[in-house]
Amino acid sequence: MSTDTTASVSTHILDTSVGRPAEGVAITLAARGGDGADWALLGGSATDADGRCKDLPALPVGTTHVRLDFAVESYFLSKQDKKAEAQQDAPANRDSGASGVFFPEVAITFAVVPGEHYHVPLLLNPFGYSVYRGS
């Protein structure tokens, strides 16, 4: 929950290749108080069956920048069958590294101001992603 002196953050992930929430993706939250300041790892969680991460840590007073790190490689590796089905005729390892996962992680950095809530959804598929400020 945001206060007059802090911002708050929430997120969720939709796997657009299968049209479903992405369950079990580990997410870490880091914050810093100014451009060039060191990042402080605040903690993390994982997405639930709804693709939501409802228990991210609170942001400290003075936070100006936030980074969400999504560990998506293990999610895609655990979903190989659905991934191949969603890609239809596309080769499973097209443009991918040795693991068969093109984006092993997604890092989203954004600016915040006190008193505001930031909901940052991640729309994810094996070969791309999109992010936006939601409500």
Protein backbone atom coordinates (compact mmCIF):
# COMPACT_ATOMS: atom_id res chain seq x y z
CA MET A 1 0.00 0.00 0.00
CA SER A 2 1.36 3.42 -0.88
CA THR A 3 1.53 6.26 1.63
CA ASP A 4 2.24 9.97 1.30
CA THR A 5 5.96 9.17 1.63
CA THR A 6 6.20 5.89 -0.30
CA ALA A 7 5.02 4.31 -3.53
CA SER A 8 3.77 0.73 -3.89
CA VAL A 9 4.20 -1.89 -6.62
CA SER A 10 2.22 -4.89 -7.86
CA THR A 11 2.53 -7.03 -10.97
CA HIS A 12 1.11 -9.98 -12.86
CA ILE A 13 2.14 -12.03 -15.89
CA LEU A 14 0.04 -13.23 -18.81
CA ASP A 15 1.59 -15.82 -21.12
CA THR A 16 0.17 -14.60 -24.42
CA SER A 17 1.37 -17.73 -26.27
CA VAL A 18 -1.25 -19.79 -24.43
CA GLY A 19 -3.62 -17.03 -23.31
CA ARG A 20 -3.23 -17.88 -19.63
CA PRO A 21 -1.59 -16.49 -16.50
CA ALA A 22 2.02 -17.54 -15.94
CA GLU A 23 2.14 -19.40 -12.64
CA GLY A 24 5.28 -19.99 -10.59
CA VAL A 25 7.52 -17.26 -12.03
CA ALA A 26 10.00 -15.98 -9.44
CA ILE A 27 10.12 -12.20 -9.16
CA THR A 28 12.57 -10.05 -7.23
CA LEU A 29 12.10 -6.40 -6.31
CA ALA A 30 14.92 -3.90 -5.95
CA ALA A 31 14.82 -0.17 -5.27
CA ARG A 32 17.13 2.81 -5.21
CA GLY A 33 16.85 6.37 -4.05
CA GLY A 34 18.12 8.37 -7.00
CA ASP A 35 19.79 8.03 -10.37
CA GLY A 36 23.14 6.31 -9.92
CA ALA A 37 22.45 5.13 -6.36
CA ASP A 38 23.09 1.49 -5.52
CA TRP A 39 20.22 -0.96 -5.90
CA ALA A 40 18.90 -2.50 -2.70
CA LEU A 41 17.33 -5.94 -3.07
CA LEU A 42 14.10 -5.80 -1.08
CA GLY A 43 12.95 -9.39 -1.58
CA GLY A 44 10.72 -11.31 -3.88
CA SER A 45 7.95 -13.75 -4.43
CA ALA A 46 6.45 -15.91 -7.17
CA THR A 47 3.32 -15.62 -9.27
CA ASP A 48 0.25 -17.53 -8.14
CA ALA A 49 -2.21 -19.50 -10.28
CA ASP A 50 -3.69 -16.18 -11.42
CA GLY A 51 -0.25 -14.97 -12.57
CA ARG A 52 -0.27 -12.37 -9.79
CA CYS A 53 2.40 -11.55 -7.28
CA LYS A 54 0.45 -10.12 -4.36
CA ASP A 55 3.08 -10.06 -1.64
CA LEU A 56 5.97 -7.95 -2.92
CA PRO A 57 7.80 -6.06 -0.17
CA ALA A 58 6.99 -2.44 0.62
CA LEU A 59 9.20 0.24 -0.89
CA PRO A 60 11.35 2.26 1.51
CA VAL A 61 10.91 6.01 1.94
CA GLY A 62 12.99 7.86 -0.64
CA THR A 63 12.60 5.28 -3.43
CA THR A 64 12.78 6.89 -6.87
CA HIS A 65 13.49 3.88 -9.08
CA VAL A 66 12.22 0.30 -8.93
CA ARG A 67 13.42 -2.82 -10.73
CA LEU A 68 11.35 -5.97 -11.15
CA ASP A 69 13.32 -9.03 -12.26
CA PHE A 70 11.25 -11.88 -13.70
CA ALA A 71 13.00 -15.29 -13.86
CA VAL A 72 11.11 -16.67 -16.85
CA GLU A 73 13.55 -19.34 -18.07
CA SER A 74 12.40 -22.03 -15.63
CA TYR A 75 8.77 -21.18 -16.42
CA PHE A 76 9.30 -21.78 -20.14
CA LEU A 77 11.41 -24.89 -19.60
CA SER A 78 8.65 -26.38 -17.44
CA LYS A 79 6.11 -25.57 -20.16
CA GLN A 80 7.95 -27.12 -23.14
CA ASP A 81 4.91 -29.07 -24.34
CA LYS A 82 2.60 -26.06 -24.24
CA LYS A 83 5.33 -23.91 -25.76
CA ALA A 84 5.72 -26.20 -28.75
CA GLU A 85 1.93 -26.40 -29.16
CA ALA A 86 1.59 -22.61 -29.01
CA GLN A 87 4.34 -22.14 -31.61
CA GLN A 88 2.60 -24.55 -33.97
CA ASP A 89 5.08 -25.16 -36.82
CA ALA A 90 7.86 -22.91 -35.48
CA PRO A 91 11.07 -24.72 -34.52
CA ALA A 92 11.26 -25.01 -30.73
CA ASN A 93 14.73 -23.46 -30.54
CA ARG A 94 14.40 -20.77 -33.21
CA ASP A 95 16.71 -17.84 -32.39
CA SER A 96 17.30 -19.27 -28.93
CA GLY A 97 20.31 -20.05 -26.84
CA ALA A 98 21.40 -23.51 -25.78
CA SER A 99 18.55 -23.81 -23.27
CA GLY A 100 15.89 -23.21 -25.90
CA VAL A 101 14.71 -20.07 -24.10
CA PHE A 102 15.30 -16.78 -25.92
CA PHE A 103 14.57 -14.52 -22.90
CA PRO A 104 15.82 -16.27 -19.74
CA GLU A 105 14.96 -13.23 -17.66
CA VAL A 106 13.14 -9.93 -18.01
CA ALA A 107 14.21 -6.87 -16.04
CA ILE A 108 11.88 -3.87 -15.91
CA THR A 109 13.09 -0.60 -14.39
CA PHE A 110 10.79 2.36 -13.82
CA ALA A 111 10.57 5.62 -11.88
CA VAL A 112 8.16 6.13 -9.00
CA VAL A 113 6.90 9.03 -6.90
CA PRO A 114 5.59 8.87 -3.33
CA GLY A 115 1.88 8.36 -2.87
CA GLU A 116 1.36 6.50 -6.15
CA HIS A 117 0.61 2.82 -6.76
CA TYR A 118 2.32 1.18 -9.76
CA HIS A 119 0.80 -1.95 -11.25
CA VAL A 120 3.19 -3.27 -13.90
CA PRO A 121 1.81 -6.20 -15.94
CA LEU A 122 4.12 -8.31 -18.09
CA LEU A 123 2.70 -9.78 -21.31
CA LEU A 124 5.04 -12.65 -22.12
CA ASN A 125 5.62 -15.15 -24.92
CA PRO A 126 8.63 -17.27 -25.90
CA PHE A 127 10.01 -14.69 -28.33
CA GLY A 128 8.88 -11.34 -26.96
CA TYR A 129 7.35 -9.41 -24.14
CA SER A 130 5.56 -6.16 -23.46
CA VAL A 131 5.07 -4.20 -20.28
CA TYR A 132 2.96 -1.21 -19.33
CA ARG A 133 1.72 0.75 -16.34
CA GLY A 134 -1.63 -0.72 -15.47
CA SER A 135 -4.20 0.23 -12.89
